[in-house]
C-alpha atoms as a PDB file:
ATOM      1  CA  MET A   1    -128.916  46.420 -49.556  1.00  0.00           C
ATOM      2  CA  LYS A   2    -126.770  50.226 -50.352  1.00  0.00           C
ATOM      3  CA  THR A   3    -128.247  49.244 -53.960  1.00  0.00           C
ATOM      4  CA  LEU A   4    -131.438  51.116 -54.666  1.00  0.00           C
ATOM      5  CA  ASN A   5    -133.559  48.207 -54.916  1.00  0.00           C
ATOM      6  CA  GLY A   6    -132.329  47.657 -50.774  1.00  0.00           C
ATOM      7  CA  ARG A   7    -133.485  51.444 -50.282  1.00  0.00           C
ATOM      8  CA  ILE A   8    -137.070  50.353 -52.138  1.00  0.00           C
ATOM      9  CA  LYS A   9    -137.047  47.582 -50.324  1.00  0.00           C
ATOM     10  CA  PHE A  10    -137.374  49.910 -47.133  1.00  0.00           C
ATOM     11  CA  LEU A  11    -139.179  52.286 -47.578  1.00  0.00           C
ATOM     12  CA  TYR A  12    -141.332  49.210 -49.234  1.00  0.00           C
ATOM     13  CA  GLU A  13    -141.249  47.910 -45.557  1.00  0.00           C
ATOM     14  CA  PHE A  14    -142.125  50.808 -43.867  1.00  0.00           C
ATOM     15  CA  ILE A  15    -145.433  51.391 -46.240  1.00  0.00           C
ATOM     16  CA  LYS A  16    -146.476  48.143 -44.771  1.00  0.00           C
ATOM     17  CA  ASN A  17    -145.751  48.734 -41.283  1.00  0.00           C
ATOM     18  CA  PRO A  18    -144.692  52.099 -39.822  1.00  0.00           C
ATOM     19  CA  LYS A  19    -145.538  50.955 -36.595  1.00  0.00           C
ATOM     20  CA  GLU A  20    -142.729  48.530 -36.976  1.00  0.00           C
ATOM     21  CA  VAL A  21    -140.507  49.784 -39.680  1.00  0.00           C
ATOM     22  CA  SER A  22    -139.337  53.367 -38.428  1.00  0.00           C
ATOM     23  CA  SER A  23    -137.369  54.293 -41.464  1.00  0.00           C
ATOM     24  CA  ILE A  24    -138.304  54.679 -45.235  1.00  0.00           C
ATOM     25  CA  THR A  25    -134.491  54.225 -45.517  1.00  0.00           C
ATOM     26  CA  GLN A  26    -131.091  53.158 -44.458  1.00  0.00           C
ATOM     27  CA  SER A  27    -129.576  54.870 -41.499  1.00  0.00           C
ATOM     28  CA  SER A  28    -126.611  57.358 -42.608  1.00  0.00           C
ATOM     29  CA  LYS A  29    -123.015  56.451 -41.847  1.00  0.00           C
ATOM     30  CA  PHE A  30    -123.124  59.872 -39.066  1.00  0.00           C
ATOM     31  CA  LEU A  31    -126.414  58.280 -37.615  1.00  0.00           C
ATOM     32  CA  ILE A  32    -124.810  54.522 -37.410  1.00  0.00           C
ATOM     33  CA  GLN A  33    -121.565  57.018 -35.900  1.00  0.00           C
ATOM     34  CA  GLU A  34    -123.522  58.049 -32.944  1.00  0.00           C
ATOM     35  CA  LEU A  35    -125.689  54.661 -32.037  1.00  0.00           C
ATOM     36  CA  VAL A  36    -121.899  52.702 -31.856  1.00  0.00           C
ATOM     37  CA  ASN A  37    -119.124  55.425 -30.501  1.00  0.00           C
ATOM     38  CA  PRO A  38    -120.353  55.339 -27.045  1.00  0.00           C
ATOM     39  CA  ILE A  39    -119.657  51.434 -26.687  1.00  0.00           C
ATOM     40  CA  ASP A  40    -116.212  50.827 -25.831  1.00  0.00           C
ATOM     41  CA  PHE A  41    -115.917  48.568 -27.288  1.00  0.00           C
ATOM     42  CA  TYR A  42    -112.568  47.018 -25.262  1.00  0.00           C
ATOM     43  CA  LYS A  43    -114.922  46.100 -22.360  1.00  0.00           C
ATOM     44  CA  ALA A  44    -117.833  45.096 -23.954  1.00  0.00           C
ATOM     45  CA  GLN A  45    -118.534  41.654 -23.367  1.00  0.00           C
ATOM     46  CA  TYR A  46    -122.543  41.284 -24.927  1.00  0.00           C
ATOM     47  CA  ILE A  47    -123.931  43.839 -27.030  1.00  0.00           C
ATOM     48  CA  ILE A  48    -128.215  43.335 -27.847  1.00  0.00           C
ATOM     49  CA  GLU A  49    -130.053  45.446 -31.265  1.00  0.00           C
ATOM     50  CA  PHE A  50    -133.223  45.556 -31.628  1.00  0.00           C
ATOM     51  CA  GLY A  51    -134.720  46.012 -34.647  1.00  0.00           C
ATOM     52  CA  ALA A  52    -131.233  45.005 -36.859  1.00  0.00           C
ATOM     53  CA  GLY A  53    -132.755  46.022 -40.003  1.00  0.00           C
ATOM     54  CA  ASP A  54    -130.468  45.416 -42.918  1.00  0.00           C
ATOM     55  CA  GLY A  55    -128.127  45.126 -40.545  1.00  0.00           C
ATOM     56  CA  CYS A  56    -125.720  48.218 -41.062  1.00  0.00           C
ATOM     57  CA  VAL A  57    -125.276  49.300 -37.188  1.00  0.00           C
ATOM     58  CA  THR A  58    -124.903  45.424 -37.269  1.00  0.00           C
ATOM     59  CA  LYS A  59    -122.194  45.517 -38.837  1.00  0.00           C
ATOM     60  CA  GLU A  60    -120.519  48.522 -37.780  1.00  0.00           C
ATOM     61  CA  ILE A  61    -120.502  46.750 -34.539  1.00  0.00           C
ATOM     62  CA  LEU A  62    -119.381  44.061 -35.101  1.00  0.00           C
ATOM     63  CA  LYS A  63    -116.360  45.716 -37.314  1.00  0.00           C
ATOM     64  CA  ARG A  64    -115.366  47.239 -33.471  1.00  0.00           C
ATOM     65  CA  ILE A  65    -116.166  44.623 -30.946  1.00  0.00           C
ATOM     66  CA  LYS A  66    -113.560  42.302 -29.284  1.00  0.00           C
ATOM     67  CA  ASN A  67    -113.113  38.125 -29.674  1.00  0.00           C
ATOM     68  CA  ASN A  68    -114.927  37.396 -26.844  1.00  0.00           C
ATOM     69  CA  CYS A  69    -118.567  39.458 -26.995  1.00  0.00           C
ATOM     70  CA  LYS A  70    -121.197  38.241 -28.525  1.00  0.00           C
ATOM     71  CA  VAL A  71    -123.879  40.584 -30.423  1.00  0.00           C
ATOM     72  CA  LEU A  72    -127.898  39.763 -30.052  1.00  0.00           C
ATOM     73  CA  SER A  73    -129.544  40.890 -32.842  1.00  0.00           C
ATOM     74  CA  PHE A  74    -133.676  41.068 -32.702  1.00  0.00           C
ATOM     75  CA  GLU A  75    -135.555  41.549 -36.112  1.00  0.00           C
ATOM     76  CA  ILE A  76    -138.691  40.480 -37.324  1.00  0.00           C
ATOM     77  CA  LYS A  77    -139.262  41.624 -41.027  1.00  0.00           C
ATOM     78  CA  LYS A  78    -138.740  38.980 -43.131  1.00  0.00           C
ATOM     79  CA  GLU A  79    -136.895  41.247 -46.165  1.00  0.00           C
ATOM     80  CA  PHE A  80    -133.818  42.176 -43.576  1.00  0.00           C
ATOM     81  CA  LEU A  81    -133.770  39.096 -41.782  1.00  0.00           C
ATOM     82  CA  LYS A  82    -132.647  37.748 -45.166  1.00  0.00           C
ATOM     83  CA  GLU A  83    -130.112  40.714 -45.308  1.00  0.00           C
ATOM     84  CA  LEU A  84    -129.236  40.004 -41.864  1.00  0.00           C
ATOM     85  CA  ARG A  85    -128.698  36.074 -42.392  1.00  0.00           C
ATOM     86  CA  LYS A  86    -125.480  37.123 -45.535  1.00  0.00           C
ATOM     87  CA  ILE A  87    -123.817  38.524 -41.922  1.00  0.00           C
ATOM     88  CA  ARG A  88    -121.289  35.190 -41.319  1.00  0.00           C
ATOM     89  CA  ASP A  89    -120.317  35.809 -38.101  1.00  0.00           C
ATOM     90  CA  LYS A  90    -119.448  33.852 -35.076  1.00  0.00           C
ATOM     91  CA  ARG A  91    -119.423  36.393 -32.627  1.00  0.00           C
ATOM     92  CA  LEU A  92    -123.540  37.394 -34.015  1.00  0.00           C
ATOM     93  CA  LYS A  93    -126.527  35.909 -33.053  1.00  0.00           C
ATOM     94  CA  ILE A  94    -129.806  36.816 -35.088  1.00  0.00           C
ATOM     95  CA  VAL A  95    -132.664  36.264 -33.465  1.00  0.00           C
ATOM     96  CA  GLU A  96    -136.465  35.854 -35.203  1.00  0.00           C
ATOM     97  CA  ASP A  97    -138.783  37.765 -32.391  1.00  0.00           C
ATOM     98  CA  ARG A  98    -140.090  40.888 -30.691  1.00  0.00           C
ATOM     99  CA  ALA A  99    -137.669  42.324 -28.158  1.00  0.00           C
ATOM    100  CA  GLU A 100    -139.914  42.733 -26.270  1.00  0.00           C
ATOM    101  CA  ASN A 101    -139.176  39.017 -25.394  1.00  0.00           C
ATOM    102  CA  LEU A 102    -135.118  39.126 -24.256  1.00  0.00           C
ATOM    103  CA  PHE A 103    -135.473  37.878 -21.335  1.00  0.00           C
ATOM    104  CA  LYS A 104    -136.515  34.530 -23.280  1.00  0.00           C
ATOM    105  CA  TYR A 105    -133.067  34.670 -24.525  1.00  0.00           C
ATOM    106  CA  ILE A 106    -130.886  36.212 -22.135  1.00  0.00           C
ATOM    107  CA  ASN A 107    -132.224  34.293 -19.061  1.00  0.00           C
ATOM    108  CA  SER A 108    -130.914  36.855 -15.789  1.00  0.00           C
ATOM    109  CA  ARG A 109    -128.003  37.796 -17.405  1.00  0.00           C
ATOM    110  CA  LYS A 110    -127.270  41.670 -17.935  1.00  0.00           C
ATOM    111  CA  VAL A 111    -126.122  42.962 -20.953  1.00  0.00           C
ATOM    112  CA  ASP A 112    -123.518  45.777 -21.308  1.00  0.00           C
ATOM    113  CA  TYR A 113    -125.508  47.902 -24.338  1.00  0.00           C
ATOM    114  CA  ILE A 114    -129.040  47.825 -25.858  1.00  0.00           C
ATOM    115  CA  VAL A 115    -128.326  49.366 -29.754  1.00  0.00           C
ATOM    116  CA  SER A 116    -132.065  49.963 -30.512  1.00  0.00           C
ATOM    117  CA  SER A 117    -133.503  51.293 -33.918  1.00  0.00           C
ATOM    118  CA  LEU A 118    -137.412  50.282 -32.965  1.00  0.00           C
ATOM    119  CA  PRO A 119    -139.739  52.750 -33.566  1.00  0.00           C
ATOM    120  CA  LEU A 120    -141.143  54.172 -30.121  1.00  0.00           C
ATOM    121  CA  ALA A 121    -142.908  57.592 -30.553  1.00  0.00           C
ATOM    122  CA  ALA A 122    -145.489  54.677 -32.563  1.00  0.00           C
ATOM    123  CA  SER A 123    -146.778  52.611 -29.898  1.00  0.00           C
ATOM    124  CA  LYS A 124    -147.114  53.867 -25.810  1.00  0.00           C
ATOM    125  CA  ASN A 125    -146.989  50.520 -24.986  1.00  0.00           C
ATOM    126  CA  LEU A 126    -144.112  49.564 -27.418  1.00  0.00           C
ATOM    127  CA  GLU A 127    -142.064  52.417 -25.244  1.00  0.00           C
ATOM    128  CA  TYR A 128    -142.980  51.538 -22.106  1.00  0.00           C
ATOM    129  CA  LYS A 129    -141.862  47.795 -22.602  1.00  0.00           C
ATOM    130  CA  ILE A 130    -138.681  48.573 -23.899  1.00  0.00           C
ATOM    131  CA  ILE A 131    -137.518  51.035 -21.709  1.00  0.00           C
ATOM    132  CA  LYS A 132    -138.419  48.505 -18.857  1.00  0.00           C
ATOM    133  CA  ILE A 133    -136.827  46.037 -19.943  1.00  0.00           C
ATOM    134  CA  ALA A 134    -133.533  47.410 -21.465  1.00  0.00           C
ATOM    135  CA  TYR A 135    -133.135  49.106 -18.151  1.00  0.00           C
ATOM    136  CA  LYS A 136    -133.941  45.677 -16.087  1.00  0.00           C
ATOM    137  CA  SER A 137    -131.526  44.309 -18.355  1.00  0.00           C
ATOM    138  CA  LEU A 138    -128.899  46.534 -18.713  1.00  0.00           C
ATOM    139  CA  LYS A 139    -125.573  45.907 -16.084  1.00  0.00           C
ATOM    140  CA  GLU A 140    -125.078  48.842 -13.828  1.00  0.00           C
ATOM    141  CA  ASN A 141    -123.418  51.289 -15.419  1.00  0.00           C
ATOM    142  CA  GLY A 142    -124.454  49.512 -19.195  1.00  0.00           C
ATOM    143  CA  LYS A 143    -126.460  51.675 -21.241  1.00  0.00           C
ATOM    144  CA  TYR A 144    -128.990  52.022 -23.301  1.00  0.00           C
ATOM    145  CA  ILE A 145    -129.027  53.973 -26.941  1.00  0.00           C
ATOM    146  CA  GLN A 146    -131.962  54.780 -28.969  1.00  0.00           C
ATOM    147  CA  TYR A 147    -132.522  57.168 -31.426  1.00  0.00           C
ATOM    148  CA  GLN A 148    -136.048  58.932 -32.800  1.00  0.00           C
ATOM    149  CA  TYR A 149    -136.342  61.298 -36.095  1.00  0.00           C
ATOM    150  CA  ALA A 150    -136.239  64.781 -35.421  1.00  0.00           C
ATOM    151  CA  HIS A 151    -140.195  64.622 -36.639  1.00  0.00           C
ATOM    152  CA  ASN A 152    -141.307  63.144 -33.301  1.00  0.00           C
ATOM    153  CA  THR A 153    -139.730  66.063 -31.485  1.00  0.00           C
ATOM    154  CA  LEU A 154    -138.023  64.035 -28.479  1.00  0.00           C
ATOM    155  CA  LYS A 155    -141.240  62.672 -27.198  1.00  0.00           C
ATOM    156  CA  SER A 156    -139.686  59.658 -26.330  1.00  0.00           C
ATOM    157  CA  PHE A 157    -137.176  62.220 -23.765  1.00  0.00           C
ATOM    158  CA  TYR A 158    -138.956  62.088 -20.560  1.00  0.00           C
ATOM    159  CA  LYS A 159    -139.662  58.444 -20.204  1.00  0.00           C
ATOM    160  CA  LEU A 160    -136.403  57.700 -20.888  1.00  0.00           C
ATOM    161  CA  LYS A 161    -135.130  60.316 -18.294  1.00  0.00           C
ATOM    162  CA  LYS A 162    -137.755  59.269 -15.411  1.00  0.00           C
ATOM    163  CA  LYS A 163    -135.831  55.342 -15.156  1.00  0.00           C
ATOM    164  CA  PHE A 164    -132.640  56.684 -16.810  1.00  0.00           C
ATOM    165  CA  ARG A 165    -131.138  59.702 -14.293  1.00  0.00           C
ATOM    166  CA  ASP A 166    -127.854  59.832 -17.123  1.00  0.00           C
ATOM    167  CA  LEU A 167    -129.576  60.577 -20.550  1.00  0.00           C
ATOM    168  CA  LYS A 168    -127.143  62.783 -23.354  1.00  0.00           C
ATOM    169  CA  VAL A 169    -129.502  63.621 -26.729  1.00  0.00           C
ATOM    170  CA  LYS A 170    -127.737  64.133 -29.347  1.00  0.00           C
ATOM    171  CA  PHE A 171    -129.240  65.743 -32.751  1.00  0.00           C
ATOM    172  CA  ILE A 172    -127.965  64.375 -36.083  1.00  0.00           C
ATOM    173  CA  PRO A 173    -129.157  66.498 -39.109  1.00  0.00           C
ATOM    174  CA  LEU A 174    -127.135  64.267 -41.692  1.00  0.00           C
ATOM    175  CA  ASN A 175    -129.433  61.699 -41.557  1.00  0.00           C
ATOM    176  CA  MET A 176    -132.629  60.955 -43.397  1.00  0.00           C
ATOM    177  CA  PRO A 177    -134.782  62.330 -41.528  1.00  0.00           C
ATOM    178  CA  PRO A 178    -132.787  63.657 -39.110  1.00  0.00           C
ATOM    179  CA  ALA A 179    -131.991  61.949 -35.865  1.00  0.00           C
ATOM    180  CA  PHE A 180    -132.034  62.484 -32.257  1.00  0.00           C
ATOM    181  CA  VAL A 181    -129.795  59.886 -30.476  1.00  0.00           C
ATOM    182  CA  TYR A 182    -130.644  58.843 -27.224  1.00  0.00           C
ATOM    183  CA  ILE A 183    -127.545  57.431 -24.438  1.00  0.00           C
ATOM    184  CA  CYS A 184    -128.728  56.362 -21.394  1.00  0.00           C
ATOM    185  CA  LYS A 185    -126.666  54.275 -18.405  1.00  0.00           C
ATOM    186  CA  LYS A 186    -127.880  52.515 -15.781  1.00  0.00           C
END
């Protein structure tokens, strides 16, 4: 979906429902790198992805993980699911469900990393749920990696800081729109 057609699909999905699609276009390679850089791919055994979109972050994760690592990617938009299902990798499980239902899929298992592209600033209710779910599902020293667009002016920072004492923020200007990446360690 890296073609003009893919960009139009992103824009169309964003216009239809900006509370479910956080962007008008795909993430830049710079944003993708900042989302995956905090992951220790040698030790990771279980990675969760919230809001996988067309799979641009998913593909980068799959390039780097070891054979024994599992990736569980959540997506609810039909157009994006079509693209995700084109990814053929036995380590990937695509879940057509909301991220809030994570525990249905992992039971009581703890995960190493959660990478989220969900538009948290669009809904306070979603924001609180996702932060709580992320914290509860992570192993000790696990990381929750979330991005927000710069126009949201770090709205989630204080909520994340209440839950995760170890929190780093990076600014990614080379993205459309520019973004902040939160790296939260449990």
